[in-house]
């Protein structure tokens, strides 16, 4: 089901993916948007790149947080509205195929954001 899609998306993200994203000095704006959206859903207040650098430094811990995260209980209406707006924007980096071409290491995060939206819809 939809909940399974959220779990599968997390399982498809490796610590290596996060470390690679972290190593991008000046990430593509689309990569930034995907990462910032994931952090927004997870409830991180600070989604600046320097903060992200810190979160992704502890990649295992970050992925564990994603694994145990219960979107249906933790995402506020405001977060959900923001998520929908971001995913519906024209030229959205969340479109299937976009991240694959731009930054394969961020595909999992983009899929997870989409799966969370489906779960909450």
Protein backbone atom coordinates (compact mmCIF):
# COMPACT_ATOMS: atom_id res chain seq x y z
CA UNK A 1 0.00 0.00 0.00
CA UNK A 2 0.86 3.65 0.23
CA UNK A 3 2.55 3.24 3.62
CA UNK A 4 4.73 0.57 2.04
CA UNK A 5 5.78 3.04 -0.67
CA UNK A 6 6.99 5.47 2.01
CA UNK A 7 9.04 2.71 3.69
CA UNK A 8 10.39 1.47 0.35
CA UNK A 9 11.49 5.00 -0.56
CA UNK A 10 13.51 5.28 2.66
CA UNK A 11 15.07 1.84 2.16
CA UNK A 12 16.21 2.93 -1.31
CA UNK A 13 18.27 5.79 0.19
CA UNK A 14 21.78 4.82 1.25
CA UNK A 15 24.08 6.68 3.66
CA UNK A 16 26.37 7.02 0.63
CA UNK A 17 23.62 8.98 -1.21
CA UNK A 18 23.37 11.45 1.65
CA UNK A 19 27.13 11.79 1.91
CA UNK A 20 27.36 12.48 -1.80
CA UNK A 21 24.66 15.14 -1.60
CA UNK A 22 26.48 16.60 1.40
CA UNK A 23 29.69 16.83 -0.61
CA UNK A 24 28.07 19.09 -3.24
CA UNK A 25 29.49 22.52 -2.48
CA UNK A 26 26.89 24.38 -4.51
CA UNK A 27 24.05 21.96 -5.16
CA UNK A 28 21.72 22.34 -8.13
CA UNK A 29 18.64 24.38 -7.06
CA UNK A 30 16.46 21.32 -7.72
CA UNK A 31 18.57 19.19 -5.36
CA UNK A 32 18.30 21.90 -2.74
CA UNK A 33 14.53 22.01 -3.14
CA UNK A 34 14.20 18.24 -2.74
CA UNK A 35 16.41 18.13 0.34
CA UNK A 36 14.74 21.17 1.93
CA UNK A 37 11.30 19.67 1.28
CA UNK A 38 12.29 16.38 2.93
CA UNK A 39 13.61 18.27 5.96
CA UNK A 40 10.46 20.39 6.14
CA UNK A 41 8.30 17.23 6.22
CA UNK A 42 10.51 15.74 8.95
CA UNK A 43 10.04 18.90 11.00
CA UNK A 44 13.60 20.24 10.90
CA UNK A 45 13.47 23.96 11.62
CA UNK A 46 16.79 24.76 9.99
CA UNK A 47 17.08 23.73 6.35
CA UNK A 48 20.04 25.89 5.41
CA UNK A 49 22.78 24.08 3.51
CA UNK A 50 25.18 24.36 6.47
CA UNK A 51 22.60 22.67 8.72
CA UNK A 52 21.99 19.99 6.08
CA UNK A 53 25.74 19.44 5.98
CA UNK A 54 25.55 18.53 9.67
CA UNK A 55 22.47 16.30 9.41
CA UNK A 56 23.88 14.32 6.49
CA UNK A 57 27.20 13.95 8.28
CA UNK A 58 25.32 11.53 10.55
CA UNK A 59 23.70 9.78 7.60
CA UNK A 60 22.75 6.59 9.48
CA UNK A 61 21.02 8.55 12.22
CA UNK A 62 19.21 10.68 9.67
CA UNK A 63 17.94 7.62 7.79
CA UNK A 64 16.85 6.03 11.07
CA UNK A 65 14.82 9.17 11.80
CA UNK A 66 13.19 8.81 8.37
CA UNK A 67 12.46 5.11 9.01
CA UNK A 68 10.61 5.68 12.27
CA UNK A 69 8.88 8.88 11.11
CA UNK A 70 5.10 8.50 11.07
CA UNK A 71 3.90 11.04 8.50
CA UNK A 72 0.22 10.43 9.18
CA UNK A 73 0.71 11.51 12.80
CA UNK A 74 3.53 14.04 12.52
CA UNK A 75 2.85 16.22 9.48
CA UNK A 76 0.78 19.33 10.19
CA UNK A 77 -1.81 20.74 7.81
CA UNK A 78 0.56 23.61 7.05
CA UNK A 79 3.44 21.24 6.23
CA UNK A 80 1.09 19.21 4.03
CA UNK A 81 -0.07 22.32 2.14
CA UNK A 82 3.54 23.38 1.61
CA UNK A 83 4.37 19.89 0.33
CA UNK A 84 1.46 19.93 -2.14
CA UNK A 85 2.42 23.40 -3.40
CA UNK A 86 6.03 22.35 -3.91
CA UNK A 87 5.11 19.12 -5.71
CA UNK A 88 2.62 20.89 -7.98
CA UNK A 89 4.88 23.74 -9.05
CA UNK A 90 5.67 23.85 -12.77
CA UNK A 91 9.06 22.25 -13.60
CA UNK A 92 8.89 20.48 -10.26
CA UNK A 93 12.09 18.56 -9.48
CA UNK A 94 9.80 15.87 -8.07
CA UNK A 95 8.58 14.80 -11.52
CA UNK A 96 9.58 11.20 -12.25
CA UNK A 97 12.79 11.27 -14.29
CA UNK A 98 13.90 14.78 -13.32
CA UNK A 99 16.16 13.86 -10.41
CA UNK A 100 17.38 10.75 -12.21
CA UNK A 101 18.92 13.10 -14.78
CA UNK A 102 19.97 15.86 -12.36
CA UNK A 103 21.30 14.09 -9.28
CA UNK A 104 20.68 10.33 -9.03
CA UNK A 105 21.69 10.40 -5.36
CA UNK A 106 18.66 12.59 -4.56
CA UNK A 107 16.11 10.35 -6.33
CA UNK A 108 15.24 8.50 -3.13
CA UNK A 109 14.50 11.70 -1.22
CA UNK A 110 12.29 12.95 -4.06
CA UNK A 111 10.40 9.63 -4.15
CA UNK A 112 9.95 9.71 -0.39
CA UNK A 113 8.43 13.22 -0.56
CA UNK A 114 6.01 12.05 -3.26
CA UNK A 115 5.12 8.92 -1.26
CA UNK A 116 4.38 11.00 1.85
CA UNK A 117 2.07 13.24 -0.20
CA UNK A 118 0.23 10.15 -1.50
CA UNK A 119 -0.06 8.77 2.02
CA UNK A 120 -1.60 11.97 3.35
CA UNK A 121 -3.82 12.71 0.34
